Amino acid sequence: QSDDENFEPVEAYFFDPTEYLEEELRQQLNDKITLSVKVYKERLTEKCREVADLQLQIETLEALNAARNEDNLESHLQIACNRHGAKNTVETLAKLAEKEMKEWAQMARGGKTPQDSAMEASFETSPARL
């Protein structure tokens, strides 16, 4: 009857093989099932933790990549400070742009920059003022 394409079962019977097992064998089977469930639950929990860690790493790398791709001086300096330390970054900037760093330091201390002094001098000696 199952070879016929139009076959539809009308009745189904449930057969529980454990009904015919001895009590000791049934207990062993239940213990084995319980142990297997525990092992697979532990594996699943471990894999879920690994997935969460990997997702966090992906988010971190995406954020770093986005920061690197920004054409923003502050983000580049932040990356440089994180990689090489703030002191090394400032020392390198001082070597690369010594004049500008000295002017900035003088201005930060409240002093005049050479540009300010030159501007004041030109203002004082301009023909309109005299």
Foldseek 3Di string as FASTA:
>chain_A
DVVDPPDDDDDDDDDDVVVPDDPVVSVVVVVVVVVVVVVVVVVVVVVVVVVVVVVVVVVVVVVLVVLVPDPDPVSVLVVCCVVPNNVVSVVVVCVVCVLVVVQVVCVVVVHHGPVRVVVVVCVCPPPVND
